[in-house]
Each structure stands twice: as structure tokens, then as C-alpha cells.
mmCIF file of all heavy atoms, coordinates in Angstrom:
data_MODEL
# 
_entry.id   MODEL 
# 
loop_
_atom_site.group_PDB 
_atom_site.id 
_atom_site.type_symbol 
_atom_site.label_atom_id 
_atom_site.label_alt_id 
_atom_site.label_comp_id 
_atom_site.label_asym_id 
_atom_site.label_entity_id 
_atom_site.label_seq_id 
_atom_site.pdbx_PDB_ins_code 
_atom_site.Cartn_x 
_atom_site.Cartn_y 
_atom_site.Cartn_z 
_atom_site.occupancy 
_atom_site.B_iso_or_equiv 
_atom_site.pdbx_formal_charge 
_atom_site.auth_seq_id 
_atom_site.auth_comp_id 
_atom_site.auth_asym_id 
_atom_site.auth_atom_id 
_atom_site.pdbx_PDB_model_num 
ATOM 1   N N   . ALA A 1 1  ? 10.334 2.756  3.008  1.00 0.00 ? 1  ALA A N   1 
ATOM 2   C CA  . ALA A 1 1  ? 9.619  2.398  4.249  1.00 0.00 ? 1  ALA A CA  1 
ATOM 3   C C   . ALA A 1 1  ? 8.294  3.136  4.391  1.00 0.00 ? 1  ALA A C   1 
ATOM 4   O O   . ALA A 1 1  ? 7.342  2.566  4.934  1.00 0.00 ? 1  ALA A O   1 
ATOM 5   C CB  . ALA A 1 1  ? 10.534 2.701  5.451  1.00 0.00 ? 1  ALA A CB  1 
ATOM 6   N N   . CYS A 1 2  ? 8.232  4.382  3.940  1.00 0.00 ? 2  CYS A N   1 
ATOM 7   C CA  . CYS A 1 2  ? 6.987  5.137  4.072  1.00 0.00 ? 2  CYS A CA  1 
ATOM 8   C C   . CYS A 1 2  ? 5.865  4.539  3.236  1.00 0.00 ? 2  CYS A C   1 
ATOM 9   O O   . CYS A 1 2  ? 4.744  4.362  3.705  1.00 0.00 ? 2  CYS A O   1 
ATOM 10  C CB  . CYS A 1 2  ? 7.221  6.598  3.666  1.00 0.00 ? 2  CYS A CB  1 
ATOM 11  S SG  . CYS A 1 2  ? 8.234  7.516  4.840  1.00 0.00 ? 2  CYS A SG  1 
ATOM 12  N N   . ALA A 1 3  ? 6.177  4.201  1.976  1.00 0.00 ? 3  ALA A N   1 
ATOM 13  C CA  . ALA A 1 3  ? 5.149  3.650  1.096  1.00 0.00 ? 3  ALA A CA  1 
ATOM 14  C C   . ALA A 1 3  ? 4.726  2.255  1.539  1.00 0.00 ? 3  ALA A C   1 
ATOM 15  O O   . ALA A 1 3  ? 3.593  1.836  1.282  1.00 0.00 ? 3  ALA A O   1 
ATOM 16  C CB  . ALA A 1 3  ? 5.659  3.608  -0.337 1.00 0.00 ? 3  ALA A CB  1 
ATOM 17  N N   . ILE A 1 4  ? 5.626  1.528  2.189  1.00 0.00 ? 4  ILE A N   1 
ATOM 18  C CA  . ILE A 1 4  ? 5.294  0.158  2.602  1.00 0.00 ? 4  ILE A CA  1 
ATOM 19  C C   . ILE A 1 4  ? 4.507  0.145  3.930  1.00 0.00 ? 4  ILE A C   1 
ATOM 20  O O   . ILE A 1 4  ? 3.493  -0.550 4.036  1.00 0.00 ? 4  ILE A O   1 
ATOM 21  C CB  . ILE A 1 4  ? 6.578  -0.664 2.756  1.00 0.00 ? 4  ILE A CB  1 
ATOM 22  C CG1 . ILE A 1 4  ? 7.267  -0.828 1.404  1.00 0.00 ? 4  ILE A CG1 1 
ATOM 23  C CG2 . ILE A 1 4  ? 6.262  -2.046 3.355  1.00 0.00 ? 4  ILE A CG2 1 
ATOM 24  C CD1 . ILE A 1 4  ? 8.627  -1.480 1.488  1.00 0.00 ? 4  ILE A CD1 1 
ATOM 25  N N   . GLY A 1 5  ? 4.980  0.929  4.902  1.00 0.00 ? 5  GLY A N   1 
ATOM 26  C CA  . GLY A 1 5  ? 4.320  0.846  6.205  1.00 0.00 ? 5  GLY A CA  1 
ATOM 27  C C   . GLY A 1 5  ? 4.154  2.168  6.945  1.00 0.00 ? 5  GLY A C   1 
ATOM 28  O O   . GLY A 1 5  ? 3.801  2.174  8.121  1.00 0.00 ? 5  GLY A O   1 
ATOM 29  N N   . GLY A 1 6  ? 4.419  3.279  6.298  1.00 0.00 ? 6  GLY A N   1 
ATOM 30  C CA  . GLY A 1 6  ? 4.283  4.561  6.965  1.00 0.00 ? 6  GLY A CA  1 
ATOM 31  C C   . GLY A 1 6  ? 5.589  5.181  7.403  1.00 0.00 ? 6  GLY A C   1 
ATOM 32  O O   . GLY A 1 6  ? 5.650  6.385  7.650  1.00 0.00 ? 6  GLY A O   1 
ATOM 33  N N   . GLY A 1 7  ? 6.628  4.354  7.564  1.00 0.00 ? 7  GLY A N   1 
ATOM 34  C CA  . GLY A 1 7  ? 7.935  4.867  7.934  1.00 0.00 ? 7  GLY A CA  1 
ATOM 35  C C   . GLY A 1 7  ? 7.918  5.643  9.238  1.00 0.00 ? 7  GLY A C   1 
ATOM 36  O O   . GLY A 1 7  ? 7.192  5.293  10.186 1.00 0.00 ? 7  GLY A O   1 
ATOM 37  N N   . PRO A 1 8  ? 8.690  6.710  9.327  1.00 0.00 ? 8  PRO A N   1 
ATOM 38  C CA  . PRO A 1 8  ? 8.731  7.526  10.563 1.00 0.00 ? 8  PRO A CA  1 
ATOM 39  C C   . PRO A 1 8  ? 7.394  8.158  10.891 1.00 0.00 ? 8  PRO A C   1 
ATOM 40  O O   . PRO A 1 8  ? 7.180  8.590  12.024 1.00 0.00 ? 8  PRO A O   1 
ATOM 41  C CB  . PRO A 1 8  ? 9.771  8.594  10.240 1.00 0.00 ? 8  PRO A CB  1 
ATOM 42  C CG  . PRO A 1 8  ? 10.608 8.019  9.165  1.00 0.00 ? 8  PRO A CG  1 
ATOM 43  C CD  . PRO A 1 8  ? 9.677  7.193  8.336  1.00 0.00 ? 8  PRO A CD  1 
ATOM 44  N N   . PHE A 1 9  ? 6.489  8.240  9.928  1.00 0.00 ? 9  PHE A N   1 
ATOM 45  C CA  . PHE A 1 9  ? 5.206  8.898  10.129 1.00 0.00 ? 9  PHE A CA  1 
ATOM 46  C C   . PHE A 1 9  ? 4.106  7.915  10.527 1.00 0.00 ? 9  PHE A C   1 
ATOM 47  O O   . PHE A 1 9  ? 2.938  8.295  10.668 1.00 0.00 ? 9  PHE A O   1 
ATOM 48  C CB  . PHE A 1 9  ? 4.783  9.636  8.853  1.00 0.00 ? 9  PHE A CB  1 
ATOM 49  C CG  . PHE A 1 9  ? 5.878  10.501 8.280  1.00 0.00 ? 9  PHE A CG  1 
ATOM 50  C CD1 . PHE A 1 9  ? 6.647  10.062 7.220  1.00 0.00 ? 9  PHE A CD1 1 
ATOM 51  C CD2 . PHE A 1 9  ? 6.131  11.734 8.841  1.00 0.00 ? 9  PHE A CD2 1 
ATOM 52  C CE1 . PHE A 1 9  ? 7.636  10.867 6.708  1.00 0.00 ? 9  PHE A CE1 1 
ATOM 53  C CE2 . PHE A 1 9  ? 7.146  12.543 8.336  1.00 0.00 ? 9  PHE A CE2 1 
ATOM 54  C CZ  . PHE A 1 9  ? 7.903  12.112 7.269  1.00 0.00 ? 9  PHE A CZ  1 
ATOM 55  N N   . ARG A 1 10 ? 4.475  6.653  10.706 1.00 0.00 ? 10 ARG A N   1 
ATOM 56  C CA  . ARG A 1 10 ? 3.505  5.600  11.001 1.00 0.00 ? 10 ARG A CA  1 
ATOM 57  C C   . ARG A 1 10 ? 2.681  5.955  12.245 1.00 0.00 ? 10 ARG A C   1 
ATOM 58  O O   . ARG A 1 10 ? 3.199  6.352  13.281 1.00 0.00 ? 10 ARG A O   1 
ATOM 59  C CB  . ARG A 1 10 ? 4.217  4.281  11.215 1.00 0.00 ? 10 ARG A CB  1 
ATOM 60  C CG  . ARG A 1 10 ? 3.272  3.100  11.460 1.00 0.00 ? 10 ARG A CG  1 
ATOM 61  C CD  . ARG A 1 10 ? 4.038  1.782  11.547 1.00 0.00 ? 10 ARG A CD  1 
ATOM 62  N NE  . ARG A 1 10 ? 3.179  0.670  11.785 1.00 0.00 ? 10 ARG A NE  1 
ATOM 63  C CZ  . ARG A 1 10 ? 2.472  0.044  10.850 1.00 0.00 ? 10 ARG A CZ  1 
ATOM 64  N NH1 . ARG A 1 10 ? 2.587  0.446  9.607  1.00 0.00 ? 10 ARG A NH1 1 
ATOM 65  N NH2 . ARG A 1 10 ? 1.691  -0.975 11.148 1.00 0.00 ? 10 ARG A NH2 1 
ATOM 66  N N   . GLY A 1 11 ? 1.368  5.794  12.124 1.00 0.00 ? 11 GLY A N   1 
ATOM 67  C CA  . GLY A 1 11 ? 0.469  6.054  13.242 1.00 0.00 ? 11 GLY A CA  1 
ATOM 68  C C   . GLY A 1 11 ? -0.066 7.470  13.295 1.00 0.00 ? 11 GLY A C   1 
ATOM 69  O O   . GLY A 1 11 ? -0.976 7.752  14.078 1.00 0.00 ? 11 GLY A O   1 
ATOM 70  N N   . SER A 1 12 ? 0.472  8.356  12.460 1.00 0.00 ? 12 SER A N   1 
ATOM 71  C CA  . SER A 1 12 ? -0.046 9.738  12.458 1.00 0.00 ? 12 SER A CA  1 
ATOM 72  C C   . SER A 1 12 ? -1.434 9.756  11.819 1.00 0.00 ? 12 SER A C   1 
ATOM 73  O O   . SER A 1 12 ? -1.692 9.067  10.849 1.00 0.00 ? 12 SER A O   1 
ATOM 74  C CB  . SER A 1 12 ? 0.909  10.624 11.668 1.00 0.00 ? 12 SER A CB  1 
ATOM 75  O OG  . SER A 1 12 ? 0.303  11.891 11.418 1.00 0.00 ? 12 SER A OG  1 
ATOM 76  N N   . PRO A 1 13 ? -2.331 10.567 12.341 1.00 0.00 ? 13 PRO A N   1 
ATOM 77  C CA  . PRO A 1 13 ? -3.660 10.665 11.748 1.00 0.00 ? 13 PRO A CA  1 
ATOM 78  C C   . PRO A 1 13 ? -3.663 11.308 10.361 1.00 0.00 ? 13 PRO A C   1 
ATOM 79  O O   . PRO A 1 13 ? -4.666 11.262 9.650  1.00 0.00 ? 13 PRO A O   1 
ATOM 80  C CB  . PRO A 1 13 ? -4.455 11.520 12.759 1.00 0.00 ? 13 PRO A CB  1 
ATOM 81  C CG  . PRO A 1 13 ? -3.409 12.320 13.458 1.00 0.00 ? 13 PRO A CG  1 
ATOM 82  C CD  . PRO A 1 13 ? -2.212 11.414 13.549 1.00 0.00 ? 13 PRO A CD  1 
ATOM 83  N N   . GLU A 1 14 ? -2.540 11.895 9.974  1.00 0.00 ? 14 GLU A N   1 
ATOM 84  C CA  . GLU A 1 14 ? -2.457 12.582 8.684  1.00 0.00 ? 14 GLU A CA  1 
ATOM 85  C C   . GLU A 1 14 ? -1.925 11.699 7.574  1.00 0.00 ? 14 GLU A C   1 
ATOM 86  O O   . GLU A 1 14 ? -1.795 12.161 6.434  1.00 0.00 ? 14 GLU A O   1 
ATOM 87  C CB  . GLU A 1 14 ? -1.585 13.839 8.824  1.00 0.00 ? 14 GLU A CB  1 
ATOM 88  C CG  . GLU A 1 14 ? -2.150 14.876 9.776  1.00 0.00 ? 14 GLU A CG  1 
ATOM 89  C CD  . GLU A 1 14 ? -3.545 15.326 9.404  1.00 0.00 ? 14 GLU A CD  1 
ATOM 90  O OE1 . GLU A 1 14 ? -3.795 15.499 8.189  1.00 0.00 ? 14 GLU A OE1 1 
ATOM 91  O OE2 . GLU A 1 14 ? -4.389 15.489 10.306 1.00 0.00 ? 14 GLU A OE2 1 
ATOM 92  N N   . VAL A 1 15 ? -1.554 10.441 7.888  1.00 0.00 ? 15 VAL A N   1 
ATOM 93  C CA  . VAL A 1 15 ? -1.030 9.556  6.840  1.00 0.00 ? 15 VAL A CA  1 
ATOM 94  C C   . VAL A 1 15 ? -1.801 8.261  6.830  1.00 0.00 ? 15 VAL A C   1 
ATOM 95  O O   . VAL A 1 15 ? -2.500 7.921  7.786  1.00 0.00 ? 15 VAL A O   1 
ATOM 96  C CB  . VAL A 1 15 ? 0.487  9.279  7.015  1.00 0.00 ? 15 VAL A CB  1 
ATOM 97  C CG1 . VAL A 1 15 ? 1.274  10.571 7.047  1.00 0.00 ? 15 VAL A CG1 1 
ATOM 98  C CG2 . VAL A 1 15 ? 0.755  8.450  8.266  1.00 0.00 ? 15 VAL A CG2 1 
ATOM 99  N N   . ASN A 1 16 ? -1.604 7.491  5.761  1.00 0.00 ? 16 ASN A N   1 
ATOM 100 C CA  . ASN A 1 16 ? -2.349 6.235  5.590  1.00 0.00 ? 16 ASN A CA  1 
ATOM 101 C C   . ASN A 1 16 ? -1.510 4.999  5.888  1.00 0.00 ? 16 ASN A C   1 
ATOM 102 O O   . ASN A 1 16 ? -1.923 3.888  5.589  1.00 0.00 ? 16 ASN A O   1 
ATOM 103 C CB  . ASN A 1 16 ? -2.886 6.160  4.154  1.00 0.00 ? 16 ASN A CB  1 
ATOM 104 C CG  . ASN A 1 16 ? -4.013 5.157  4.020  1.00 0.00 ? 16 ASN A CG  1 
ATOM 105 O OD1 . ASN A 1 16 ? -5.109 5.393  4.513  1.00 0.00 ? 16 ASN A OD1 1 
ATOM 106 N ND2 . ASN A 1 16 ? -3.752 4.040  3.366  1.00 0.00 ? 16 ASN A ND2 1 
ATOM 107 N N   . ASN A 1 17 ? -0.290 5.207  6.435  1.00 0.00 ? 17 ASN A N   1 
ATOM 108 C CA  . ASN A 1 17 ? 0.621  4.101  6.716  1.00 0.00 ? 17 ASN A CA  1 
ATOM 109 C C   . ASN A 1 17 ? 0.939  3.283  5.452  1.00 0.00 ? 17 ASN A C   1 
ATOM 110 O O   . ASN A 1 17 ? 0.931  2.051  5.469  1.00 0.00 ? 17 ASN A O   1 
ATOM 111 C CB  . ASN A 1 17 ? 0.084  3.173  7.810  1.00 0.00 ? 17 ASN A CB  1 
ATOM 112 C CG  . ASN A 1 17 ? 0.056  3.848  9.180  1.00 0.00 ? 17 ASN A CG  1 
ATOM 113 O OD1 . ASN A 1 17 ? 0.746  4.839  9.391  1.00 0.00 ? 17 ASN A OD1 1 
ATOM 114 N ND2 . ASN A 1 17 ? -0.715 3.313  10.096 1.00 0.00 ? 17 ASN A ND2 1 
ATOM 115 N N   . GLY A 1 18 ? 1.209  3.987  4.366  1.00 0.00 ? 18 GLY A N   1 
ATOM 116 C CA  . GLY A 1 18 ? 1.583  3.311  3.125  1.00 0.00 ? 18 GLY A CA  1 
ATOM 117 C C   . GLY A 1 18 ? 0.391  2.994  2.248  1.00 0.00 ? 18 GLY A C   1 
ATOM 118 O O   . GLY A 1 18 ? -0.736 3.441  2.488  1.00 0.00 ? 18 GLY A O   1 
ATOM 119 N N   . ILE A 1 19 ? 0.657  2.198  1.208  1.00 0.00 ? 19 ILE A N   1 
ATOM 120 C CA  . ILE A 1 19 ? -0.367 1.971  0.188  1.00 0.00 ? 19 ILE A CA  1 
ATOM 121 C C   . ILE A 1 19 ? -0.986 0.564  0.249  1.00 0.00 ? 19 ILE A C   1 
ATOM 122 O O   . ILE A 1 19 ? -1.819 0.220  -0.564 1.00 0.00 ? 19 ILE A O   1 
ATOM 123 C CB  . ILE A 1 19 ? 0.213  2.192  -1.212 1.00 0.00 ? 19 ILE A CB  1 
ATOM 124 C CG1 . ILE A 1 19 ? 1.300  1.142  -1.530 1.00 0.00 ? 19 ILE A CG1 1 
ATOM 125 C CG2 . ILE A 1 19 ? 0.770  3.583  -1.362 1.00 0.00 ? 19 ILE A CG2 1 
ATOM 126 C CD1 . ILE A 1 19 ? 1.818  1.230  -2.955 1.00 0.00 ? 19 ILE A CD1 1 
ATOM 127 N N   . GLY A 1 20 ? -0.583 -0.228 1.238  1.00 0.00 ? 20 GLY A N   1 
ATOM 128 C CA  . GLY A 1 20 ? -0.998 -1.641 1.281  1.00 0.00 ? 20 GLY A CA  1 
ATOM 129 C C   . GLY A 1 20 ? -2.498 -1.865 1.295  1.00 0.00 ? 20 GLY A C   1 
ATOM 130 O O   . GLY A 1 20 ? -2.983 -2.815 0.672  1.00 0.00 ? 20 GLY A O   1 
ATOM 131 N N   . ASP A 1 21 ? -3.251 -1.001 1.977  1.00 0.00 ? 21 ASP A N   1 
ATOM 132 C CA  . ASP A 1 21 ? -4.718 -1.209 2.025  1.00 0.00 ? 21 ASP A CA  1 
ATOM 133 C C   . ASP A 1 21 ? -5.436 -0.331 1.019  1.00 0.00 ? 21 ASP A C   1 
ATOM 134 O O   . ASP A 1 21 ? -6.675 -0.274 1.025  1.00 0.00 ? 21 ASP A O   1 
ATOM 135 C CB  . ASP A 1 21 ? -5.223 -0.950 3.446  1.00 0.00 ? 21 ASP A CB  1 
ATOM 136 C CG  . ASP A 1 21 ? -4.968 0.474  3.906  1.00 0.00 ? 21 ASP A CG  1 
ATOM 137 O OD1 . ASP A 1 21 ? -4.150 1.167  3.261  1.00 0.00 ? 21 ASP A OD1 1 
ATOM 138 O OD2 . ASP A 1 21 ? -5.558 0.885  4.930  1.00 0.00 ? 21 ASP A OD2 1 
ATOM 139 N N   . LEU A 1 22 ? -4.681 0.359  0.158  1.00 0.00 ? 22 LEU A N   1 
ATOM 140 C CA  . LEU A 1 22 ? -5.320 1.207  -0.856 1.00 0.00 ? 22 LEU A CA  1 
ATOM 141 C C   . LEU A 1 22 ? -5.219 0.604  -2.256 1.00 0.00 ? 22 LEU A C   1 
ATOM 142 O O   . LEU A 1 22 ? -6.162 0.685  -3.045 1.00 0.00 ? 22 LEU A O   1 
ATOM 143 C CB  . LEU A 1 22 ? -4.639 2.587  -0.872 1.00 0.00 ? 22 LEU A CB  1 
ATOM 144 C CG  . LEU A 1 22 ? -4.817 3.457  0.367  1.00 0.00 ? 22 LEU A CG  1 
ATOM 145 C CD1 . LEU A 1 22 ? -4.003 4.737  0.212  1.00 0.00 ? 22 LEU A CD1 1 
ATOM 146 C CD2 . LEU A 1 22 ? -6.293 3.791  0.577  1.00 0.00 ? 22 LEU A CD2 1 
ATOM 147 N N   . LEU A 1 23 ? -4.056 0.018  -2.571 1.00 0.00 ? 23 LEU A N   1 
ATOM 148 C CA  . LEU A 1 23 ? -3.812 -0.511 -3.905 1.00 0.00 ? 23 LEU A CA  1 
ATOM 149 C C   . LEU A 1 23 ? -3.197 -1.898 -3.829 1.00 0.00 ? 23 LEU A C   1 
ATOM 150 O O   . LEU A 1 23 ? -2.517 -2.236 -2.855 1.00 0.00 ? 23 LEU A O   1 
ATOM 151 C CB  . LEU A 1 23 ? -2.836 0.421  -4.666 1.00 0.00 ? 23 LEU A CB  1 
ATOM 152 C CG  . LEU A 1 23 ? -3.255 1.885  -4.840 1.00 0.00 ? 23 LEU A CG  1 
ATOM 153 C CD1 . LEU A 1 23 ? -2.120 2.665  -5.487 1.00 0.00 ? 23 LEU A CD1 1 
ATOM 154 C CD2 . LEU A 1 23 ? -4.519 1.999  -5.659 1.00 0.00 ? 23 LEU A CD2 1 
ATOM 155 N N   . PRO A 1 24 ? -3.404 -2.726 -4.864 1.00 0.00 ? 24 PRO A N   1 
ATOM 156 C CA  . PRO A 1 24 ? -2.784 -4.061 -4.902 1.00 0.00 ? 24 PRO A CA  1 
ATOM 157 C C   . PRO A 1 24 ? -1.303 -3.920 -5.290 1.00 0.00 ? 24 PRO A C   1 
ATOM 158 O O   . PRO A 1 24 ? -0.989 -3.539 -6.404 1.00 0.00 ? 24 PRO A O   1 
ATOM 159 C CB  . PRO A 1 24 ? -3.592 -4.789 -5.978 1.00 0.00 ? 24 PRO A CB  1 
ATOM 160 C CG  . PRO A 1 24 ? -4.080 -3.687 -6.883 1.00 0.00 ? 24 PRO A CG  1 
ATOM 161 C CD  . PRO A 1 24 ? -4.317 -2.480 -6.003 1.00 0.00 ? 24 PRO A CD  1 
ATOM 162 N N   . VAL A 1 25 ? -0.418 -4.235 -4.357 1.00 0.00 ? 25 VAL A N   1 
ATOM 163 C CA  . VAL A 1 25 ? 1.024  -4.033 -4.575 1.00 0.00 ? 25 VAL A CA  1 
ATOM 164 C C   . VAL A 1 25 ? 1.650  -5.274 -5.195 1.00 0.00 ? 25 VAL A C   1 
ATOM 165 O O   . VAL A 1 25 ? 1.455  -6.384 -4.713 1.00 0.00 ? 25 VAL A O   1 
ATOM 166 C CB  . VAL A 1 25 ? 1.717  -3.684 -3.242 1.00 0.00 ? 25 VAL A CB  1 
ATOM 167 C CG1 . VAL A 1 25 ? 3.209  -3.440 -3.475 1.00 0.00 ? 25 VAL A CG1 1 
ATOM 168 C CG2 . VAL A 1 25 ? 1.068  -2.439 -2.619 1.00 0.00 ? 25 VAL A CG2 1 
ATOM 169 N N   . ASP A 1 26 ? 2.434  -5.073 -6.247 1.00 0.00 ? 26 ASP A N   1 
ATOM 170 C CA  . ASP A 1 26 ? 3.126  -6.162 -6.942 1.00 0.00 ? 26 ASP A CA  1 
ATOM 171 C C   . ASP A 1 26 ? 4.574  -6.295 -6.540 1.00 0.00 ? 26 ASP A C   1 
ATOM 172 O O   . ASP A 1 26 ? 5.188  -7.354 -6.735 1.00 0.00 ? 26 ASP A O   1 
ATOM 173 C CB  . ASP A 1 26 ? 3.054  -5.932 -8.451 1.00 0.00 ? 26 ASP A CB  1 
ATOM 174 C CG  . ASP A 1 26 ? 1.624  -5.935 -8.965 1.00 0.00 ? 26 ASP A CG  1 
ATOM 175 O OD1 . ASP A 1 26 ? 1.044  -7.049 -9.102 1.00 0.00 ? 26 ASP A OD1 1 
ATOM 176 O OD2 . ASP A 1 26 ? 1.094  -4.846 -9.229 1.00 0.00 ? 26 ASP A OD2 1 
ATOM 177 N N   . LEU A 1 27 ? 5.158  -5.244 -5.984 1.00 0.00 ? 27 LEU A N   1 
ATOM 178 C CA  . LEU A 1 27 ? 6.581  -5.283 -5.612 1.00 0.00 ? 27 LEU A CA  1 
ATOM 179 C C   . LEU A 1 27 ? 6.817  -4.325 -4.451 1.00 0.00 ? 27 LEU A C   1 
ATOM 180 O O   . LEU A 1 27 ? 6.379  -3.170 -4.484 1.00 0.00 ? 27 LEU A O   1 
ATOM 181 C CB  . LEU A 1 27 ? 7.470  -4.878 -6.792 1.00 0.00 ? 27 LEU A CB  1 
ATOM 182 C CG  . LEU A 1 27 ? 8.973  -4.913 -6.571 1.00 0.00 ? 27 LEU A CG  1 
ATOM 183 C CD1 . LEU A 1 27 ? 9.458  -6.347 -6.376 1.00 0.00 ? 27 LEU A CD1 1 
ATOM 184 C CD2 . LEU A 1 27 ? 9.723  -4.244 -7.735 1.00 0.00 ? 27 LEU A CD2 1 
ATOM 185 N N   . TYR A 1 28 ? 7.522  -4.820 -3.424 1.00 0.00 ? 28 TYR A N   1 
ATOM 186 C CA  . TYR A 1 28 ? 7.924  -4.006 -2.284 1.00 0.00 ? 28 TYR A CA  1 
ATOM 187 C C   . TYR A 1 28 ? 9.428  -3.825 -2.302 1.00 0.00 ? 28 TYR A C   1 
ATOM 188 O O   . TYR A 1 28 ? 10.191 -4.795 -2.371 1.00 0.00 ? 28 TYR A O   1 
ATOM 189 C CB  . TYR A 1 28 ? 7.528  -4.701 -0.968 1.00 0.00 ? 28 TYR A CB  1 
ATOM 190 C CG  . TYR A 1 28 ? 6.034  -4.857 -0.769 1.00 0.00 ? 28 TYR A CG  1 
ATOM 191 C CD1 . TYR A 1 28 ? 5.389  -6.021 -1.204 1.00 0.00 ? 28 TYR A CD1 1 
ATOM 192 C CD2 . TYR A 1 28 ? 5.289  -3.891 -0.117 1.00 0.00 ? 28 TYR A CD2 1 
ATOM 193 C CE1 . TYR A 1 28 ? 4.004  -6.183 -1.001 1.00 0.00 ? 28 TYR A CE1 1 
ATOM 194 C CE2 . TYR A 1 28 ? 3.928  -4.047 0.078  1.00 0.00 ? 28 TYR A CE2 1 
ATOM 195 C CZ  . TYR A 1 28 ? 3.300  -5.194 -0.357 1.00 0.00 ? 28 TYR A CZ  1 
ATOM 196 O OH  . TYR A 1 28 ? 1.956  -5.355 -0.150 1.00 0.00 ? 28 TYR A OH  1 
ATOM 197 N N   . ILE A 1 29 ? 9.861  -2.561 -2.228 1.00 0.00 ? 29 ILE A N   1 
ATOM 198 C CA  . ILE A 1 29 ? 11.290 -2.241 -2.218 1.00 0.00 ? 29 ILE A CA  1 
ATOM 199 C C   . ILE A 1 29 ? 11.601 -1.529 -0.919 1.00 0.00 ? 29 ILE A C   1 
ATOM 200 O O   . ILE A 1 29 ? 11.377 -0.305 -0.798 1.00 0.00 ? 29 ILE A O   1 
ATOM 201 C CB  . ILE A 1 29 ? 11.688 -1.378 -3.437 1.00 0.00 ? 29 ILE A CB  1 
ATOM 202 C CG1 . ILE A 1 29 ? 11.207 -2.009 -4.730 1.00 0.00 ? 29 ILE A CG1 1 
ATOM 203 C CG2 . ILE A 1 29 ? 13.194 -1.168 -3.468 1.00 0.00 ? 29 ILE A CG2 1 
ATOM 204 C CD1 . ILE A 1 29 ? 11.462 -1.170 -5.956 1.00 0.00 ? 29 ILE A CD1 1 
# 
């Protein structure tokens, strides 16, 4: 959940809410 959307840390200014807007994702688990 963290890598996909930030998980429990979602919305924190210290995280990027996952990798979706950083890298082209081929598989979500």
C-alpha cells in the first residue's frame, strides 16, 4: 500500500505517496 499510494503515511510532507508519479509502473501488488 505504501509504494502504491502512500499507505498510512499518505499526505505527509515527508513522503511522495508512492511511486506512481515518479516511475512507470508495470505491476501493482
